[in-house]
Amino acid sequence: MTYKTKSLIYFSCFVVASLVYYQIEQQDEFQEQMNSETFVEAEFQDEMEPENPQLDFEEDQK
């Protein structure tokens, strides 16, 4: 086996190991965030709620 082939195999293994490690770390961090007691509660409301949406639609069509 040539030096280039060995280097390519070692480099490929290093890249694969790095990607696996990164994925495991991200999954662990995500689990920690899901298990934490910090959360945000929000209510959303439209600023302008039309009284009769059908009339507004008909006016837009004209």
Protein backbone atom coordinates (compact mmCIF):
# COMPACT_ATOMS: atom_id res chain seq x y z
CA MET A 1 0.00 0.00 0.00
CA THR A 2 1.40 3.37 -0.92
CA TYR A 3 1.86 6.26 1.44
CA LYS A 4 -0.90 8.25 -0.33
CA THR A 5 -3.40 5.40 0.05
CA LYS A 6 -2.66 5.02 3.76
CA SER A 7 -2.95 8.76 4.26
CA LEU A 8 -6.27 8.84 2.43
CA ILE A 9 -7.63 6.00 4.56
CA TYR A 10 -6.46 7.65 7.80
CA PHE A 11 -7.87 11.00 6.74
CA SER A 12 -11.21 9.42 5.77
CA CYS A 13 -11.42 7.69 9.14
CA PHE A 14 -10.62 10.94 10.90
CA VAL A 15 -13.36 12.81 9.00
CA VAL A 16 -15.93 10.09 9.72
CA ALA A 17 -14.97 10.00 13.42
CA SER A 18 -15.19 13.80 13.61
CA LEU A 19 -18.65 13.82 12.05
CA VAL A 20 -19.90 11.06 14.36
CA TYR A 21 -18.52 12.89 17.40
CA TYR A 22 -20.14 16.15 16.28
CA GLN A 23 -23.52 14.45 15.80
CA ILE A 24 -23.35 12.83 19.25
CA GLU A 25 -22.43 16.14 20.89
CA GLN A 26 -25.27 17.94 19.12
CA GLN A 27 -27.75 15.28 20.18
CA ASP A 28 -26.59 15.48 23.81
CA GLU A 29 -26.83 19.27 23.78
CA PHE A 30 -30.33 19.09 22.28
CA GLN A 31 -31.43 16.63 24.97
CA GLU A 32 -30.08 18.93 27.68
CA GLN A 33 -32.04 21.85 26.23
CA MET A 34 -35.21 19.77 26.07
CA ASN A 35 -34.81 18.65 29.67
CA SER A 36 -34.09 22.11 31.03
CA GLU A 37 -36.78 23.96 32.92
CA THR A 38 -36.30 27.16 30.95
CA PHE A 39 -39.10 27.83 28.52
CA VAL A 40 -40.88 30.71 26.89
CA GLU A 41 -44.61 31.14 26.78
CA ALA A 42 -46.05 33.50 24.20
CA GLU A 43 -49.46 34.50 22.96
CA PHE A 44 -49.95 35.81 19.46
CA GLN A 45 -52.83 37.96 18.35
CA ASP A 46 -53.48 39.69 15.06
CA GLU A 47 -53.29 43.44 15.31
CA MET A 48 -56.20 44.06 12.97
CA GLU A 49 -58.95 41.47 13.04
CA PRO A 50 -61.61 42.28 10.44
CA GLU A 51 -65.18 42.21 11.67
CA ASN A 52 -66.44 40.64 8.46
CA PRO A 53 -63.66 38.99 6.45
CA GLN A 54 -65.98 38.18 3.55
CA LEU A 55 -66.71 41.89 2.94
CA ASP A 56 -63.02 42.74 3.05
CA PHE A 57 -62.34 39.98 0.52
CA GLU A 58 -65.06 41.29 -1.82
CA GLU A 59 -63.66 44.84 -1.58
CA ASP A 60 -60.21 43.57 -2.49
CA GLN A 61 -61.61 41.81 -5.54
CA LYS A 62 -63.11 45.05 -6.98
